[in-house]
Amino acid sequence: MGQLLNEMKAETQVLVIGLTPVDEHVMPFADCLWCSNEDVAAHEAVLAETCRDADIPFLPLHRSMLEEPDWLTWMEPDGLHLNGEGHHFIHRRIRGWTALQTWAELLPRPQQHLSLGD
């Protein structure tokens, strides 16, 4: 993962968002895939560390989404994918992400105060 991120970073600006929780109540998915939130948290931690080592902005999602009381209602029936409300949660998080705002040049610029004599 680190090599891939570094190769990407050499070519373009890279920003990485974290992983979303899974609904463990519907696992195993398709009788063959078992995902747990413990595993997702561990993978997100590795991803965050890899981004930190590569000096790449990272936006964690897993814990903040789990802290939302209605997060399970944001899941599709498969327990893996987000519905529209789940994507709206991510949108709100991304919209306020300073790294993205800086990249997109959306941060307010300091205003210059000019006197009438200038």
C-alpha atoms as a PDB file:
ATOM      1  CA  MET A   1       0.000   0.000   0.000  1.00  0.00           C
ATOM      2  CA  GLY A   2       2.807   2.391   0.867  1.00  0.00           C
ATOM      3  CA  GLN A   3       4.521   1.867  -2.479  1.00  0.00           C
ATOM      4  CA  LEU A   4       1.282   2.472  -4.363  1.00  0.00           C
ATOM      5  CA  LEU A   5       0.568   5.681  -2.432  1.00  0.00           C
ATOM      6  CA  ASN A   6       4.108   6.963  -2.962  1.00  0.00           C
ATOM      7  CA  GLU A   7       3.940   6.237  -6.687  1.00  0.00           C
ATOM      8  CA  MET A   8       0.615   8.041  -6.920  1.00  0.00           C
ATOM      9  CA  LYS A   9       1.938  10.955  -4.889  1.00  0.00           C
ATOM     10  CA  ALA A  10       4.841  11.335  -7.324  1.00  0.00           C
ATOM     11  CA  GLU A  11       2.316  11.949 -10.111  1.00  0.00           C
ATOM     12  CA  THR A  12      -0.513  13.874  -8.464  1.00  0.00           C
ATOM     13  CA  GLN A  13      -2.003  15.181  -5.228  1.00  0.00           C
ATOM     14  CA  VAL A  14      -3.368  12.270  -3.184  1.00  0.00           C
ATOM     15  CA  LEU A  15      -6.037  12.383  -0.477  1.00  0.00           C
ATOM     16  CA  VAL A  16      -7.386   9.223   1.172  1.00  0.00           C
ATOM     17  CA  ILE A  17     -10.642   8.665   3.018  1.00  0.00           C
ATOM     18  CA  GLY A  18     -11.122   5.892   5.526  1.00  0.00           C
ATOM     19  CA  LEU A  19     -13.355   2.860   5.699  1.00  0.00           C
ATOM     20  CA  THR A  20     -16.990   2.623   6.695  1.00  0.00           C
ATOM     21  CA  PRO A  21     -18.470   0.186   9.213  1.00  0.00           C
ATOM     22  CA  VAL A  22     -20.298  -2.989   8.311  1.00  0.00           C
ATOM     23  CA  ASP A  23     -23.562  -4.308   9.700  1.00  0.00           C
ATOM     24  CA  GLU A  24     -22.352  -7.435  11.455  1.00  0.00           C
ATOM     25  CA  HIS A  25     -25.965  -8.599  11.932  1.00  0.00           C
ATOM     26  CA  VAL A  26     -26.195  -9.636   8.277  1.00  0.00           C
ATOM     27  CA  MET A  27     -22.845 -11.404   8.086  1.00  0.00           C
ATOM     28  CA  PRO A  28     -21.754 -13.629   6.530  1.00  0.00           C
ATOM     29  CA  PHE A  29     -22.581 -11.857   3.287  1.00  0.00           C
ATOM     30  CA  ALA A  30     -23.620 -14.302   0.551  1.00  0.00           C
ATOM     31  CA  ASP A  31     -22.762 -17.129   2.975  1.00  0.00           C
ATOM     32  CA  CYS A  32     -19.073 -16.616   2.284  1.00  0.00           C
ATOM     33  CA  LEU A  33     -17.831 -13.158   3.342  1.00  0.00           C
ATOM     34  CA  TRP A  34     -17.475 -12.244   6.975  1.00  0.00           C
ATOM     35  CA  CYS A  35     -16.567  -8.681   7.834  1.00  0.00           C
ATOM     36  CA  SER A  36     -16.375  -7.358  11.369  1.00  0.00           C
ATOM     37  CA  ASN A  37     -16.021  -3.804  12.588  1.00  0.00           C
ATOM     38  CA  GLU A  38     -12.977  -4.901  14.555  1.00  0.00           C
ATOM     39  CA  ASP A  39     -11.318  -5.927  11.291  1.00  0.00           C
ATOM     40  CA  VAL A  40     -12.419  -2.730   9.542  1.00  0.00           C
ATOM     41  CA  ALA A  41     -10.966  -0.639  12.389  1.00  0.00           C
ATOM     42  CA  ALA A  42      -7.666  -2.519  12.174  1.00  0.00           C
ATOM     43  CA  HIS A  43      -7.463  -2.026   8.393  1.00  0.00           C
ATOM     44  CA  GLU A  44      -8.300   1.665   8.735  1.00  0.00           C
ATOM     45  CA  ALA A  45      -5.550   2.058  11.348  1.00  0.00           C
ATOM     46  CA  VAL A  46      -3.010   0.533   8.943  1.00  0.00           C
ATOM     47  CA  LEU A  47      -4.256   2.792   6.160  1.00  0.00           C
ATOM     48  CA  ALA A  48      -3.969   5.849   8.423  1.00  0.00           C
ATOM     49  CA  GLU A  49      -0.421   4.925   9.444  1.00  0.00           C
ATOM     50  CA  THR A  50       0.599   4.306   5.845  1.00  0.00           C
ATOM     51  CA  CYS A  51      -0.774   7.711   4.836  1.00  0.00           C
ATOM     52  CA  ARG A  52       0.958   9.377   7.780  1.00  0.00           C
ATOM     53  CA  ASP A  53       4.282   7.775   6.786  1.00  0.00           C
ATOM     54  CA  ALA A  54       3.810   8.968   3.196  1.00  0.00           C
ATOM     55  CA  ASP A  55       2.694  12.453   4.315  1.00  0.00           C
ATOM     56  CA  ILE A  56      -0.672  11.981   2.608  1.00  0.00           C
ATOM     57  CA  PRO A  57      -3.823  13.522   4.109  1.00  0.00           C
ATOM     58  CA  PHE A  58      -6.157  10.906   5.576  1.00  0.00           C
ATOM     59  CA  LEU A  59      -9.759  11.327   6.718  1.00  0.00           C
ATOM     60  CA  PRO A  60     -10.839   8.563   9.114  1.00  0.00           C
ATOM     61  CA  LEU A  61     -14.498   7.567   8.928  1.00  0.00           C
ATOM     62  CA  HIS A  62     -15.027   4.298  10.786  1.00  0.00           C
ATOM     63  CA  ARG A  63     -15.127   5.449  14.407  1.00  0.00           C
ATOM     64  CA  SER A  64     -16.962   8.697  13.698  1.00  0.00           C
ATOM     65  CA  MET A  65     -19.657   6.831  11.795  1.00  0.00           C
ATOM     66  CA  LEU A  66     -20.035   4.216  14.535  1.00  0.00           C
ATOM     67  CA  GLU A  67     -20.545   7.054  17.016  1.00  0.00           C
ATOM     68  CA  GLU A  68     -23.644   8.178  15.125  1.00  0.00           C
ATOM     69  CA  PRO A  69     -26.755   6.657  16.735  1.00  0.00           C
ATOM     70  CA  ASP A  70     -28.503   6.003  13.398  1.00  0.00           C
ATOM     71  CA  TRP A  71     -25.555   4.645  11.424  1.00  0.00           C
ATOM     72  CA  LEU A  72     -27.181   1.237  10.858  1.00  0.00           C
ATOM     73  CA  THR A  73     -30.019   2.937   8.978  1.00  0.00           C
ATOM     74  CA  TRP A  74     -27.389   4.224   6.526  1.00  0.00           C
ATOM     75  CA  MET A  75     -26.523   0.696   5.354  1.00  0.00           C
ATOM     76  CA  GLU A  76     -27.846  -1.203   2.364  1.00  0.00           C
ATOM     77  CA  PRO A  77     -29.377  -4.622   3.140  1.00  0.00           C
ATOM     78  CA  ASP A  78     -26.100  -6.365   2.242  1.00  0.00           C
ATOM     79  CA  GLY A  79     -24.504  -4.803   5.338  1.00  0.00           C
ATOM     80  CA  LEU A  80     -21.463  -3.675   3.343  1.00  0.00           C
ATOM     81  CA  HIS A  81     -22.515  -0.683   1.282  1.00  0.00           C
ATOM     82  CA  LEU A  82     -23.917   2.693   2.244  1.00  0.00           C
ATOM     83  CA  ASN A  83     -27.262   4.019   1.105  1.00  0.00           C
ATOM     84  CA  GLY A  84     -27.887   7.679   0.249  1.00  0.00           C
ATOM     85  CA  GLU A  85     -27.931   8.750   3.898  1.00  0.00           C
ATOM     86  CA  GLY A  86     -24.598   7.046   4.479  1.00  0.00           C
ATOM     87  CA  HIS A  87     -23.100   8.836   1.516  1.00  0.00           C
ATOM     88  CA  HIS A  88     -24.544  12.097   2.832  1.00  0.00           C
ATOM     89  CA  PHE A  89     -22.650  11.480   6.106  1.00  0.00           C
ATOM     90  CA  ILE A  90     -19.421  11.081   4.130  1.00  0.00           C
ATOM     91  CA  HIS A  91     -20.233  14.194   2.106  1.00  0.00           C
ATOM     92  CA  ARG A  92     -20.624  16.241   5.286  1.00  0.00           C
ATOM     93  CA  ARG A  93     -17.302  14.951   6.615  1.00  0.00           C
ATOM     94  CA  ILE A  94     -15.471  15.596   3.354  1.00  0.00           C
ATOM     95  CA  ARG A  95     -17.001  19.044   2.931  1.00  0.00           C
ATOM     96  CA  GLY A  96     -15.374  20.166   6.176  1.00  0.00           C
ATOM     97  CA  TRP A  97     -12.026  18.437   5.553  1.00  0.00           C
ATOM     98  CA  THR A  98      -9.291  21.067   5.572  1.00  0.00           C
ATOM     99  CA  ALA A  99      -6.967  19.000   3.378  1.00  0.00           C
ATOM    100  CA  LEU A 100      -9.557  18.872   0.605  1.00  0.00           C
ATOM    101  CA  GLN A 101     -10.473  22.525   0.989  1.00  0.00           C
ATOM    102  CA  THR A 102      -6.814  23.466   0.732  1.00  0.00           C
ATOM    103  CA  TRP A 103      -6.321  21.304  -2.358  1.00  0.00           C
ATOM    104  CA  ALA A 104      -9.427  22.769  -3.997  1.00  0.00           C
ATOM    105  CA  GLU A 105      -8.417  26.275  -2.934  1.00  0.00           C
ATOM    106  CA  LEU A 106     -11.705  26.719  -1.095  1.00  0.00           C
ATOM    107  CA  LEU A 107     -10.317  28.038   2.173  1.00  0.00           C
ATOM    108  CA  PRO A 108     -10.969  31.712   2.770  1.00  0.00           C
ATOM    109  CA  ARG A 109      -7.960  33.786   1.945  1.00  0.00           C
ATOM    110  CA  PRO A 110      -6.713  36.342   4.428  1.00  0.00           C
ATOM    111  CA  GLN A 111      -8.142  39.688   3.495  1.00  0.00           C
ATOM    112  CA  GLN A 112      -5.796  42.499   2.741  1.00  0.00           C
ATOM    113  CA  HIS A 113      -6.672  45.801   4.283  1.00  0.00           C
ATOM    114  CA  LEU A 114      -5.755  48.658   2.050  1.00  0.00           C
ATOM    115  CA  SER A 115      -5.853  52.191   3.213  1.00  0.00           C
ATOM    116  CA  LEU A 116      -7.181  54.895   0.941  1.00  0.00           C
ATOM    117  CA  GLY A 117      -3.672  56.216   0.520  1.00  0.00           C
ATOM    118  CA  ASP A 118      -2.391  52.994  -1.046  1.00  0.00           C
END
